[in-house]
Amino acid sequence: MNNRRKLVIALGAGALTTPFASWSQQQGKVWRIGFLSPRAMEFNDSDYYYGPFRQGMRELGYVEGKNLLIEWRPANGNNERLPDLAAELVNLKVDVIVAPGTPATSAAKKASITIPIVMVNTGDPIGSGFIKSLARPEGNITGLSNMGGDLSLKHLEMLLSMVPKLSRVAYLLNPTNAIIRSPGIVQAAGQKRGIEIIRVDARTPGEIETAFSSIHQQNAGAMMVVTDPLFQGQRNRIAELAAKSRLPAIASDRMYAEAGVLLSYGQSIAAQFRGAAIYVDRIIKGAKPADLPVEQPTKFELIINGKTAKALGLTIPQSLLISADKVIE
């Protein structure tokens, strides 16, 4: 059974308690959905992040310009803009706010405690204070969480399988992202294997350039990229700099591997955004966010860039080839 069908079944479990009479009375309404994006927006359906949300809404019977209006508000990689953009959506009296990522969810939560919020790809929603529990959120926020912070050990293992003689690995993170975890766990794991994990910070696109200079100076043999909207928006540049530095790198999002980074391993973001459409539909039809369980990812994707491996002179181990969802040649 695929993940989308599981989510439909789970969210449909409360169908008998949902006020469909009220929904029927409002079928002529144009629903206004706020979309609070940390990154620069791409408005076409082919966009890996947001295209599946728009496609999902259409599959559920919504047509933009007819019964649906999506208010896009992009922060263009600058998280400091998110509170003002969230306030704009609240002033527009949107029916639901879709908030991708922890910074956007936090901004939406601070802007309204009454408008339903559907979080997507959000890390540690309980620890962040967004919900009380996965089964019973007990507030105006529900949606889909991620496990991005829990993948660092897996990323380290995959790098080691590609580059067995590693002695130093750079750990690129954005310290302004409140949910980013300390590299302490992966540092301890690296120490057991005789590998030094070097923390490298970058807060702006310019600091990414500086970070690679630091990585080079410290003789790191590979790099792990921590999930962050800034880095996602700069993935092409990160891939270019990694190639220039001949640096094997891994990230959670498949778009990094498609941009030229050696490996990506993480949840299917496309599936999360398609799932977000289901949450929005259930809320529009009368369900309360407090009663909709938060979903955790169950499908993970391994993407290998074979071109990059060849350029770096690396052999892809059979264990990774067997597990790969896609090998880019």
C-alpha atoms as a PDB file:
ATOM      1  CA  MET A   1       0.000   0.000   0.000  1.00  0.00           C
ATOM      2  CA  ASN A   2       1.528   3.337  -0.998  1.00  0.00           C
ATOM      3  CA  ASN A   3       2.064   6.171   1.455  1.00  0.00           C
ATOM      4  CA  ARG A   4      -0.585   8.420  -0.047  1.00  0.00           C
ATOM      5  CA  ARG A   5      -3.250   5.729   0.278  1.00  0.00           C
ATOM      6  CA  LYS A   6      -2.225   5.095   3.888  1.00  0.00           C
ATOM      7  CA  LEU A   7      -2.584   8.799   4.626  1.00  0.00           C
ATOM      8  CA  VAL A   8      -5.995   8.970   2.927  1.00  0.00           C
ATOM      9  CA  ILE A   9      -7.181   6.026   5.035  1.00  0.00           C
ATOM     10  CA  ALA A  10      -5.761   7.483   8.261  1.00  0.00           C
ATOM     11  CA  LEU A  11      -7.280  10.895   7.704  1.00  0.00           C
ATOM     12  CA  GLY A  12     -10.500   9.381   6.489  1.00  0.00           C
ATOM     13  CA  ALA A  13     -10.945   7.450   9.708  1.00  0.00           C
ATOM     14  CA  GLY A  14     -12.785  10.400  11.208  1.00  0.00           C
ATOM     15  CA  ALA A  15     -15.047  10.897   8.212  1.00  0.00           C
ATOM     16  CA  LEU A  16     -18.199   9.996  10.157  1.00  0.00           C
ATOM     17  CA  THR A  17     -17.584  12.820  12.610  1.00  0.00           C
ATOM     18  CA  THR A  18     -16.764  15.443   9.974  1.00  0.00           C
ATOM     19  CA  PRO A  19     -19.568  17.955   9.336  1.00  0.00           C
ATOM     20  CA  PHE A  20     -20.074  17.245   5.640  1.00  0.00           C
ATOM     21  CA  ALA A  21     -23.415  19.066   5.702  1.00  0.00           C
ATOM     22  CA  SER A  22     -21.488  22.248   6.404  1.00  0.00           C
ATOM     23  CA  TRP A  23     -19.070  21.374   3.571  1.00  0.00           C
ATOM     24  CA  SER A  24     -21.972  20.887   1.149  1.00  0.00           C
ATOM     25  CA  GLN A  25     -23.338  24.293   2.023  1.00  0.00           C
ATOM     26  CA  GLN A  26     -19.979  25.907   1.196  1.00  0.00           C
ATOM     27  CA  GLN A  27     -19.197  24.168  -2.087  1.00  0.00           C
ATOM     28  CA  GLY A  28     -19.636  27.435  -3.970  1.00  0.00           C
ATOM     29  CA  LYS A  29     -16.977  29.137  -1.868  1.00  0.00           C
ATOM     30  CA  VAL A  30     -13.539  30.061  -3.173  1.00  0.00           C
ATOM     31  CA  TRP A  31     -11.112  28.655  -0.588  1.00  0.00           C
ATOM     32  CA  ARG A  32      -8.102  30.824   0.149  1.00  0.00           C
ATOM     33  CA  ILE A  33      -4.969  28.891   1.106  1.00  0.00           C
ATOM     34  CA  GLY A  34      -1.880  30.693   2.375  1.00  0.00           C
ATOM     35  CA  PHE A  35       1.428  29.119   1.387  1.00  0.00           C
ATOM     36  CA  LEU A  36       4.317  30.393   3.509  1.00  0.00           C
ATOM     37  CA  SER A  37       7.515  29.389   1.745  1.00  0.00           C
ATOM     38  CA  PRO A  38      11.024  29.761   3.169  1.00  0.00           C
ATOM     39  CA  ARG A  39      12.554  29.551  -0.297  1.00  0.00           C
ATOM     40  CA  ALA A  40      12.132  31.281  -3.645  1.00  0.00           C
ATOM     41  CA  MET A  41       9.005  30.091  -5.377  1.00  0.00           C
ATOM     42  CA  GLU A  42       8.686  28.279  -8.650  1.00  0.00           C
ATOM     43  CA  PHE A  43       5.099  28.430  -9.831  1.00  0.00           C
ATOM     44  CA  ASN A  44       5.044  25.516 -12.262  1.00  0.00           C
ATOM     45  CA  ASP A  45       3.766  22.030 -11.570  1.00  0.00           C
ATOM     46  CA  SER A  46       7.145  20.509 -12.349  1.00  0.00           C
ATOM     47  CA  ASP A  47       8.645  22.058  -9.213  1.00  0.00           C
ATOM     48  CA  TYR A  48       9.699  19.101  -7.050  1.00  0.00           C
ATOM     49  CA  TYR A  49       8.638  20.740  -3.796  1.00  0.00           C
ATOM     50  CA  TYR A  50       5.407  22.540  -4.493  1.00  0.00           C
ATOM     51  CA  GLY A  51       4.193  21.005  -7.743  1.00  0.00           C
ATOM     52  CA  PRO A  52       2.830  17.872  -5.985  1.00  0.00           C
ATOM     53  CA  PHE A  53       0.783  20.073  -3.626  1.00  0.00           C
ATOM     54  CA  ARG A  54      -0.934  21.826  -6.512  1.00  0.00           C
ATOM     55  CA  GLN A  55      -1.421  18.518  -8.318  1.00  0.00           C
ATOM     56  CA  GLY A  56      -2.829  16.971  -5.148  1.00  0.00           C
ATOM     57  CA  MET A  57      -5.328  19.787  -4.710  1.00  0.00           C
ATOM     58  CA  ARG A  58      -6.528  19.341  -8.301  1.00  0.00           C
ATOM     59  CA  GLU A  59      -6.944  15.606  -7.787  1.00  0.00           C
ATOM     60  CA  LEU A  60      -9.163  16.402  -4.813  1.00  0.00           C
ATOM     61  CA  GLY A  61     -11.408  18.619  -6.938  1.00  0.00           C
ATOM     62  CA  TYR A  62      -9.928  22.083  -6.460  1.00  0.00           C
ATOM     63  CA  VAL A  63      -9.315  24.382  -9.417  1.00  0.00           C
ATOM     64  CA  GLU A  64      -7.254  27.547  -8.981  1.00  0.00           C
ATOM     65  CA  GLY A  65      -9.296  30.541 -10.036  1.00  0.00           C
ATOM     66  CA  LYS A  66     -12.586  28.673  -9.618  1.00  0.00           C
ATOM     67  CA  ASN A  67     -12.887  27.307  -6.086  1.00  0.00           C
ATOM     68  CA  LEU A  68      -9.289  27.767  -4.921  1.00  0.00           C
ATOM     69  CA  LEU A  69      -6.958  30.720  -4.467  1.00  0.00           C
ATOM     70  CA  ILE A  70      -3.397  30.090  -3.292  1.00  0.00           C
ATOM     71  CA  GLU A  71      -1.695  33.072  -1.686  1.00  0.00           C
ATOM     72  CA  TRP A  72       2.027  32.412  -2.245  1.00  0.00           C
ATOM     73  CA  ARG A  73       4.375  34.177   0.145  1.00  0.00           C
ATOM     74  CA  PRO A  74       8.086  33.335  -0.454  1.00  0.00           C
ATOM     75  CA  ALA A  75      10.849  34.401   1.924  1.00  0.00           C
ATOM     76  CA  ASN A  76      13.491  33.735  -0.762  1.00  0.00           C
ATOM     77  CA  GLY A  77      15.782  31.954   1.678  1.00  0.00           C
ATOM     78  CA  ASN A  78      15.633  34.727   4.293  1.00  0.00           C
ATOM     79  CA  ASN A  79      13.921  33.300   7.381  1.00  0.00           C
ATOM     80  CA  GLU A  80      13.759  36.759   8.980  1.00  0.00           C
ATOM     81  CA  ARG A  81      11.033  37.671   6.483  1.00  0.00           C
ATOM     82  CA  LEU A  82       8.751  34.818   7.520  1.00  0.00           C
ATOM     83  CA  PRO A  83       6.987  36.570  10.468  1.00  0.00           C
ATOM     84  CA  ASP A  84       5.925  39.520   8.293  1.00  0.00           C
ATOM     85  CA  LEU A  85       4.773  37.203   5.501  1.00  0.00           C
ATOM     86  CA  ALA A  86       2.794  35.104   7.991  1.00  0.00           C
ATOM     87  CA  ALA A  87       1.147  38.281   9.311  1.00  0.00           C
ATOM     88  CA  GLU A  88       0.142  39.165   5.733  1.00  0.00           C
ATOM     89  CA  LEU A  89      -1.610  35.820   5.351  1.00  0.00           C
ATOM     90  CA  VAL A  90      -3.431  36.274   8.649  1.00  0.00           C
ATOM     91  CA  ASN A  91      -4.607  39.742   7.577  1.00  0.00           C
ATOM     92  CA  LEU A  92      -5.930  38.202   4.350  1.00  0.00           C
ATOM     93  CA  LYS A  93      -8.037  35.860   6.507  1.00  0.00           C
ATOM     94  CA  VAL A  94      -6.893  32.750   4.660  1.00  0.00           C
ATOM     95  CA  ASP A  95      -8.739  29.533   5.475  1.00  0.00           C
ATOM     96  CA  VAL A  96      -5.582  27.426   5.956  1.00  0.00           C
ATOM     97  CA  ILE A  97      -1.848  28.155   6.059  1.00  0.00           C
ATOM     98  CA  VAL A  98       0.576  25.621   4.577  1.00  0.00           C
ATOM     99  CA  ALA A  99       3.975  25.990   6.255  1.00  0.00           C
ATOM    100  CA  PRO A 100       6.944  24.049   4.831  1.00  0.00           C
ATOM    101  CA  GLY A 101       9.746  23.531   7.343  1.00  0.00           C
ATOM    102  CA  THR A 102      10.281  24.467  10.968  1.00  0.00           C
ATOM    103  CA  PRO A 103      10.987  28.227  10.550  1.00  0.00           C
ATOM    104  CA  ALA A 104       7.798  28.720   8.497  1.00  0.00           C
ATOM    105  CA  THR A 105       5.725  26.676  10.940  1.00  0.00           C
ATOM    106  CA  SER A 106       7.093  28.697  13.846  1.00  0.00           C
ATOM    107  CA  ALA A 107       6.269  31.986  12.108  1.00  0.00           C
ATOM    108  CA  ALA A 108       2.749  30.817  11.276  1.00  0.00           C
ATOM    109  CA  LYS A 109       2.164  29.644  14.843  1.00  0.00           C
ATOM    110  CA  LYS A 110       3.220  33.006  16.255  1.00  0.00           C
ATOM    111  CA  ALA A 111       0.986  34.811  13.764  1.00  0.00           C
ATOM    112  CA  SER A 112      -2.218  32.904  14.580  1.00  0.00           C
ATOM    113  CA  ILE A 113      -3.545  30.442  17.139  1.00  0.00           C
ATOM    114  CA  THR A 114      -6.882  30.063  15.333  1.00  0.00           C
ATOM    115  CA  ILE A 115      -6.201  29.664  11.590  1.00  0.00           C
ATOM    116  CA  PRO A 116      -5.503  25.992  10.787  1.00  0.00           C
ATOM    117  CA  ILE A 117      -1.851  25.376   9.909  1.00  0.00           C
ATOM    118  CA  VAL A 118      -0.621  22.398   7.899  1.00  0.00           C
ATOM    119  CA  MET A 119       3.100  21.938   8.487  1.00  0.00           C
ATOM    120  CA  VAL A 120       5.193  20.040   5.941  1.00  0.00           C
ATOM    121  CA  ASN A 121       8.657  18.523   6.361  1.00  0.00           C
ATOM    122  CA  THR A 122       8.914  19.950   9.875  1.00  0.00           C
ATOM    123  CA  GLY A 123      11.484  18.646  12.321  1.00  0.00           C
ATOM    124  CA  ASP A 124      10.657  17.674  15.923  1.00  0.00           C
ATOM    125  CA  PRO A 125       7.179  19.285  16.081  1.00  0.00           C
ATOM    126  CA  ILE A 126       6.692  18.181  19.688  1.00  0.00           C
ATOM    127  CA  GLY A 127      10.040  19.527  20.908  1.00  0.00           C
ATOM    128  CA  SER A 128       9.405  22.748  18.990  1.00  0.00           C
ATOM    129  CA  GLY A 129       6.113  23.243  20.833  1.00  0.00           C
ATOM    130  CA  PHE A 130       3.936  23.024  17.735  1.00  0.00           C
ATOM    131  CA  ILE A 131       1.878  20.030  18.900  1.00  0.00           C
ATOM    132  CA  LYS A 132       1.255  18.064  22.087  1.00  0.00           C
ATOM    133  CA  SER A 133       1.623  14.639  20.493  1.00  0.00           C
ATOM    134  CA  LEU A 134       1.673  13.040  17.053  1.00  0.00           C
ATOM    135  CA  ALA A 135      -1.654  11.284  17.654  1.00  0.00           C
ATOM    136  CA  ARG A 136      -3.435  14.301  19.189  1.00  0.00           C
ATOM    137  CA  PRO A 137      -1.882  17.634  18.157  1.00  0.00           C
ATOM    138  CA  GLU A 138      -4.341  19.559  20.418  1.00  0.00           C
ATOM    139  CA  GLY A 139      -4.004  22.924  18.715  1.00  0.00           C
ATOM    140  CA  ASN A 140      -4.346  24.613  15.328  1.00  0.00           C
ATOM    141  CA  ILE A 141      -1.348  22.803  13.801  1.00  0.00           C
ATOM    142  CA  THR A 142      -1.150  19.387  12.156  1.00  0.00           C
ATOM    143  CA  GLY A 143       0.509  17.937   9.068  1.00  0.00           C
ATOM    144  CA  LEU A 144       3.688  16.040   8.257  1.00  0.00           C
ATOM    145  CA  SER A 145       6.947  15.932  10.205  1.00  0.00           C
ATOM    146  CA  ASN A 146      10.387  14.849   9.087  1.00  0.00           C
ATOM    147  CA  MET A 147      13.290  12.909  10.533  1.00  0.00           C
ATOM    148  CA  GLY A 148      16.016  14.986   8.866  1.00  0.00           C
ATOM    149  CA  GLY A 149      17.943  15.408  12.090  1.00  0.00           C
ATOM    150  CA  ASP A 150      18.022  11.653  12.612  1.00  0.00           C
ATOM    151  CA  LEU A 151      19.686  10.809   9.297  1.00  0.00           C
ATOM    152  CA  SER A 152      23.174  12.120   9.978  1.00  0.00           C
ATOM    153  CA  LEU A 153      24.501   8.750  11.143  1.00  0.00           C
ATOM    154  CA  LYS A 154      23.093   7.083   8.039  1.00  0.00           C
ATOM    155  CA  HIS A 155      24.696   9.779   5.889  1.00  0.00           C
ATOM    156  CA  LEU A 156      28.043   9.161   7.555  1.00  0.00           C
ATOM    157  CA  GLU A 157      27.772   5.422   6.904  1.00  0.00           C
ATOM    158  CA  MET A 158      27.013   6.022   3.230  1.00  0.00           C
ATOM    159  CA  LEU A 159      29.958   8.373   2.814  1.00  0.00           C
ATOM    160  CA  LEU A 160      32.207   5.778   4.430  1.00  0.00           C
ATOM    161  CA  SER A 161      30.973   3.116   2.037  1.00  0.00           C
ATOM    162  CA  MET A 162      31.940   5.373  -0.875  1.00  0.00           C
ATOM    163  CA  VAL A 163      35.183   6.695   0.648  1.00  0.00           C
ATOM    164  CA  PRO A 164      36.431   4.064   3.148  1.00  0.00           C
ATOM    165  CA  LYS A 165      39.642   5.910   4.082  1.00  0.00           C
ATOM    166  CA  LEU A 166      37.967   9.089   5.316  1.00  0.00           C
ATOM    167  CA  SER A 167      39.607  10.800   8.276  1.00  0.00           C
ATOM    168  CA  ARG A 168      37.781  14.172   8.294  1.00  0.00           C
ATOM    169  CA  VAL A 169      34.213  15.009   7.308  1.00  0.00           C
ATOM    170  CA  ALA A 170      32.782  18.544   7.149  1.00  0.00           C
ATOM    171  CA  TYR A 171      29.321  19.102   8.658  1.00  0.00           C
ATOM    172  CA  LEU A 172      27.739  22.127   6.942  1.00  0.00           C
ATOM    173  CA  LEU A 173      24.893  23.761   8.877  1.00  0.00           C
ATOM    174  CA  ASN A 174      23.049  27.059   9.224  1.00  0.00           C
ATOM    175  CA  PRO A 175      23.181  28.117  12.898  1.00  0.00           C
ATOM    176  CA  THR A 176      20.225  30.513  12.457  1.00  0.00           C
ATOM    177  CA  ASN A 177      17.886  27.550  11.950  1.00  0.00           C
ATOM    178  CA  ALA A 178      16.547  26.977  15.461  1.00  0.00           C
ATOM    179  CA  ILE A 179      15.763  23.299  14.894  1.00  0.00           C
ATOM    180  CA  ILE A 180      19.248  22.363  13.707  1.00  0.00           C
ATOM    181  CA  ARG A 181      20.751  19.879  16.102  1.00  0.00           C
ATOM    182  CA  SER A 182      24.298  19.998  17.340  1.00  0.00           C
ATOM    183  CA  PRO A 183      26.631  17.692  15.456  1.00  0.00           C
ATOM    184  CA  GLY A 184      27.499  16.082  18.790  1.00  0.00           C
ATOM    185  CA  ILE A 185      25.875  12.719  18.002  1.00  0.00           C
ATOM    186  CA  VAL A 186      27.560  12.369  14.628  1.00  0.00           C
ATOM    187  CA  GLN A 187      30.839  13.631  16.105  1.00  0.00           C
ATOM    188  CA  ALA A 188      30.706  10.868  18.715  1.00  0.00           C
ATOM    189  CA  ALA A 189      29.905   8.297  16.021  1.00  0.00           C
ATOM    190  CA  GLY A 190      32.775   9.579  13.888  1.00  0.00           C
ATOM    191  CA  GLN A 191      35.179   9.431  16.811  1.00  0.00           C
ATOM    192  CA  LYS A 192      34.413   5.728  17.272  1.00  0.00           C
ATOM    193  CA  ARG A 193      35.439   5.196  13.664  1.00  0.00           C
ATOM    194  CA  GLY A 194      38.515   7.395  13.911  1.00  0.00           C
ATOM    195  CA  ILE A 195      36.871  10.194  11.906  1.00  0.00           C
ATOM    196  CA  GLU A 196      36.902  13.854  12.902  1.00  0.00           C
ATOM    197  CA  ILE A 197      33.623  15.703  12.219  1.00  0.00           C
ATOM    198  CA  ILE A 198      34.312  19.362  11.483  1.00  0.00           C
ATOM    199  CA  ARG A 199      31.428  21.782  12.019  1.00  0.00           C
ATOM    200  CA  VAL A 200      31.244  24.527   9.370  1.00  0.00           C
ATOM    201  CA  ASP A 201      28.616  27.296   9.615  1.00  0.00           C
ATOM    202  CA  ALA A 202      26.977  29.299   6.832  1.00  0.00           C
ATOM    203  CA  ARG A 203      24.194  31.847   7.332  1.00  0.00           C
ATOM    204  CA  THR A 204      24.155  33.485   3.887  1.00  0.00           C
ATOM    205  CA  PRO A 205      24.995  32.535   0.288  1.00  0.00           C
ATOM    206  CA  GLY A 206      28.288  34.398   0.671  1.00  0.00           C
ATOM    207  CA  GLU A 207      29.168  32.412   3.767  1.00  0.00           C
ATOM    208  CA  ILE A 208      28.680  29.191   1.816  1.00  0.00           C
ATOM    209  CA  GLU A 209      31.635  30.224  -0.335  1.00  0.00           C
ATOM    210  CA  THR A 210      33.652  30.948   2.813  1.00  0.00           C
ATOM    211  CA  ALA A 211      32.614  27.608   4.286  1.00  0.00           C
ATOM    212  CA  PHE A 212      34.120  25.726   1.356  1.00  0.00           C
ATOM    213  CA  SER A 213      37.385  27.620   1.809  1.00  0.00           C
ATOM    214  CA  SER A 214      37.403  26.524   5.450  1.00  0.00           C
ATOM    215  CA  ILE A 215      36.621  22.932   4.468  1.00  0.00           C
ATOM    216  CA  HIS A 216      39.557  22.975   2.053  1.00  0.00           C
ATOM    217  CA  GLN A 217      41.911  24.499   4.644  1.00  0.00           C
ATOM    218  CA  GLN A 218      40.956  21.824   7.184  1.00  0.00           C
ATOM    219  CA  ASN A 219      41.553  19.028   4.657  1.00  0.00           C
ATOM    220  CA  ALA A 220      38.107  17.487   4.955  1.00  0.00           C
ATOM    221  CA  GLY A 221      37.686  14.490   2.684  1.00  0.00           C
ATOM    222  CA  ALA A 222      33.887  14.633   2.409  1.00  0.00           C
ATOM    223  CA  MET A 223      30.913  16.779   3.433  1.00  0.00           C
ATOM    224  CA  MET A 224      27.477  16.321   4.999  1.00  0.00           C
ATOM    225  CA  VAL A 225      24.905  19.049   4.236  1.00  0.00           C
ATOM    226  CA  VAL A 226      22.331  19.600   6.978  1.00  0.00           C
ATOM    227  CA  THR A 227      18.766  20.257   5.788  1.00  0.00           C
ATOM    228  CA  ASP A 228      18.044  23.990   5.597  1.00  0.00           C
ATOM    229  CA  PRO A 229      16.031  26.264   3.239  1.00  0.00           C
ATOM    230  CA  LEU A 230      19.102  28.432   2.550  1.00  0.00           C
ATOM    231  CA  PHE A 231      21.131  25.433   1.408  1.00  0.00           C
ATOM    232  CA  GLN A 232      18.232  24.060  -0.625  1.00  0.00           C
ATOM    233  CA  GLY A 233      18.008  27.347  -2.486  1.00  0.00           C
ATOM    234  CA  GLN A 234      21.777  27.283  -3.048  1.00  0.00           C
ATOM    235  CA  ARG A 235      22.025  23.591  -3.941  1.00  0.00           C
ATOM    236  CA  ASN A 236      23.354  24.251  -7.456  1.00  0.00           C
ATOM    237  CA  ARG A 237      26.132  26.428  -6.067  1.00  0.00           C
ATOM    238  CA  ILE A 238      26.902  23.874  -3.353  1.00  0.00           C
ATOM    239  CA  ALA A 239      27.152  21.163  -6.018  1.00  0.00           C
ATOM    240  CA  GLU A 240      29.454  23.374  -8.125  1.00  0.00           C
ATOM    241  CA  LEU A 241      31.731  24.147  -5.182  1.00  0.00           C
ATOM    242  CA  ALA A 242      31.828  20.486  -4.134  1.00  0.00           C
ATOM    243  CA  ALA A 243      32.806  19.482  -7.673  1.00  0.00           C
ATOM    244  CA  LYS A 244      35.463  22.188  -7.824  1.00  0.00           C
ATOM    245  CA  SER A 245      36.851  20.999  -4.484  1.00  0.00           C
ATOM    246  CA  ARG A 246      36.565  17.339  -5.552  1.00  0.00           C
ATOM    247  CA  LEU A 247      34.560  16.787  -2.395  1.00  0.00           C
ATOM    248  CA  PRO A 248      32.185  13.826  -2.030  1.00  0.00           C
ATOM    249  CA  ALA A 249      29.029  15.195  -0.402  1.00  0.00           C
ATOM    250  CA  ILE A 250      25.682  13.907   0.850  1.00  0.00           C
ATOM    251  CA  ALA A 251      22.393  15.648   1.683  1.00  0.00           C
ATOM    252  CA  SER A 252      18.847  14.583   2.564  1.00  0.00           C
ATOM    253  CA  ASP A 253      17.054  16.050  -0.450  1.00  0.00           C
ATOM    254  CA  ARG A 254      17.212  14.341  -3.866  1.00  0.00           C
ATOM    255  CA  MET A 255      17.475  17.749  -5.560  1.00  0.00           C
ATOM    256  CA  TYR A 256      21.072  17.984  -4.330  1.00  0.00           C
ATOM    257  CA  ALA A 257      22.006  14.761  -6.141  1.00  0.00           C
ATOM    258  CA  GLU A 258      20.162  15.969  -9.217  1.00  0.00           C
ATOM    259  CA  ALA A 259      22.190  19.200  -9.005  1.00  0.00           C
ATOM    260  CA  GLY A 260      25.466  17.234  -8.929  1.00  0.00           C
ATOM    261  CA  VAL A 261      26.105  16.312  -5.294  1.00  0.00           C
ATOM    262  CA  LEU A 262      27.350  12.711  -4.959  1.00  0.00           C
ATOM    263  CA  LEU A 263      24.561  11.276  -2.779  1.00  0.00           C
ATOM    264  CA  SER A 264      21.203  12.114  -1.303  1.00  0.00           C
ATOM    265  CA  TYR A 265      19.287  10.057   1.210  1.00  0.00           C
ATOM    266  CA  GLY A 266      16.111  11.203   2.899  1.00  0.00           C
ATOM    267  CA  GLN A 267      12.369  11.198   2.887  1.00  0.00           C
ATOM    268  CA  SER A 268      10.339  11.841  -0.256  1.00  0.00           C
ATOM    269  CA  ILE A 269       9.560  15.560  -0.071  1.00  0.00           C
ATOM    270  CA  ALA A 270       7.224  15.272  -3.058  1.00  0.00           C
ATOM    271  CA  ALA A 271       5.135  12.730  -1.135  1.00  0.00           C
ATOM    272  CA  GLN A 272       4.963  15.092   1.843  1.00  0.00           C
ATOM    273  CA  PHE A 273       3.592  17.978  -0.225  1.00  0.00           C
ATOM    274  CA  ARG A 274       1.063  15.736  -1.922  1.00  0.00           C
ATOM    275  CA  GLY A 275       0.057  14.579   1.552  1.00  0.00           C
ATOM    276  CA  ALA A 276      -0.317  18.211   2.638  1.00  0.00           C
ATOM    277  CA  ALA A 277      -3.082  18.615   0.045  1.00  0.00           C
ATOM    278  CA  ILE A 278      -4.998  15.802   1.762  1.00  0.00           C
ATOM    279  CA  TYR A 279      -4.710  17.569   5.118  1.00  0.00           C
ATOM    280  CA  VAL A 280      -5.912  20.857   3.610  1.00  0.00           C
ATOM    281  CA  ASP A 281      -8.878  19.093   2.012  1.00  0.00           C
ATOM    282  CA  ARG A 282      -9.880  17.445   5.308  1.00  0.00           C
ATOM    283  CA  ILE A 283      -9.700  20.782   7.133  1.00  0.00           C
ATOM    284  CA  ILE A 284     -11.731  22.530   4.429  1.00  0.00           C
ATOM    285  CA  LYS A 285     -14.351  19.801   4.852  1.00  0.00           C
ATOM    286  CA  GLY A 286     -14.605  20.490   8.563  1.00  0.00           C
ATOM    287  CA  ALA A 287     -11.943  18.471  10.343  1.00  0.00           C
ATOM    288  CA  LYS A 288     -10.080  20.192  13.167  1.00  0.00           C
ATOM    289  CA  PRO A 289      -6.251  20.179  13.123  1.00  0.00           C
ATOM    290  CA  ALA A 290      -6.315  19.085  16.769  1.00  0.00           C
ATOM    291  CA  ASP A 291      -7.982  15.826  15.717  1.00  0.00           C
ATOM    292  CA  LEU A 292      -5.783  14.993  12.715  1.00  0.00           C
ATOM    293  CA  PRO A 293      -2.727  12.855  13.614  1.00  0.00           C
ATOM    294  CA  VAL A 294       0.650  14.114  12.439  1.00  0.00           C
ATOM    295  CA  GLU A 295       2.301  11.806   9.919  1.00  0.00           C
ATOM    296  CA  GLN A 296       5.947  10.774  10.054  1.00  0.00           C
ATOM    297  CA  PRO A 297       7.831   9.731   6.914  1.00  0.00           C
ATOM    298  CA  THR A 298       7.877   6.078   5.966  1.00  0.00           C
ATOM    299  CA  LYS A 299       9.439   6.255   2.498  1.00  0.00           C
ATOM    300  CA  PHE A 300      13.082   7.221   2.066  1.00  0.00           C
ATOM    301  CA  GLU A 301      14.931   7.725  -1.213  1.00  0.00           C
ATOM    302  CA  LEU A 302      18.557   7.057  -2.074  1.00  0.00           C
ATOM    303  CA  ILE A 303      19.755   8.916  -5.166  1.00  0.00           C
ATOM    304  CA  ILE A 304      23.311   8.421  -6.454  1.00  0.00           C
ATOM    305  CA  ASN A 305      24.899  10.729  -8.988  1.00  0.00           C
ATOM    306  CA  GLY A 306      26.940   8.306 -11.085  1.00  0.00           C
ATOM    307  CA  LYS A 307      28.460  11.133 -13.132  1.00  0.00           C
ATOM    308  CA  THR A 308      29.836  12.734  -9.990  1.00  0.00           C
ATOM    309  CA  ALA A 309      31.151   9.415  -8.697  1.00  0.00           C
ATOM    310  CA  LYS A 310      32.980   8.876 -11.977  1.00  0.00           C
ATOM    311  CA  ALA A 311      34.397  12.417 -11.946  1.00  0.00           C
ATOM    312  CA  LEU A 312      35.683  11.838  -8.403  1.00  0.00           C
ATOM    313  CA  GLY A 313      37.162   8.464  -9.331  1.00  0.00           C
ATOM    314  CA  LEU A 314      34.904   6.628  -6.872  1.00  0.00           C
ATOM    315  CA  THR A 315      33.409   3.174  -7.261  1.00  0.00           C
ATOM    316  CA  ILE A 316      29.804   2.821  -6.166  1.00  0.00           C
ATOM    317  CA  PRO A 317      29.549  -0.207  -3.855  1.00  0.00           C
ATOM    318  CA  GLN A 318      27.070  -2.888  -4.818  1.00  0.00           C
ATOM    319  CA  SER A 319      25.238  -2.440  -1.515  1.00  0.00           C
ATOM    320  CA  LEU A 320      24.334   1.134  -2.451  1.00  0.00           C
ATOM    321  CA  LEU A 321      23.493   0.268  -6.055  1.00  0.00           C
ATOM    322  CA  ILE A 322      21.007  -2.345  -4.887  1.00  0.00           C
ATOM    323  CA  SER A 323      19.374   0.123  -2.482  1.00  0.00           C
ATOM    324  CA  ALA A 324      19.329   3.111  -4.845  1.00  0.00           C
ATOM    325  CA  ASP A 325      16.001   4.466  -6.070  1.00  0.00           C
ATOM    326  CA  LYS A 326      17.830   6.210  -8.907  1.00  0.00           C
ATOM    327  CA  VAL A 327      21.354   6.367 -10.288  1.00  0.00           C
ATOM    328  CA  ILE A 328      22.007   9.472 -12.381  1.00  0.00           C
ATOM    329  CA  GLU A 329      24.201   8.605 -15.376  1.00  0.00           C
END
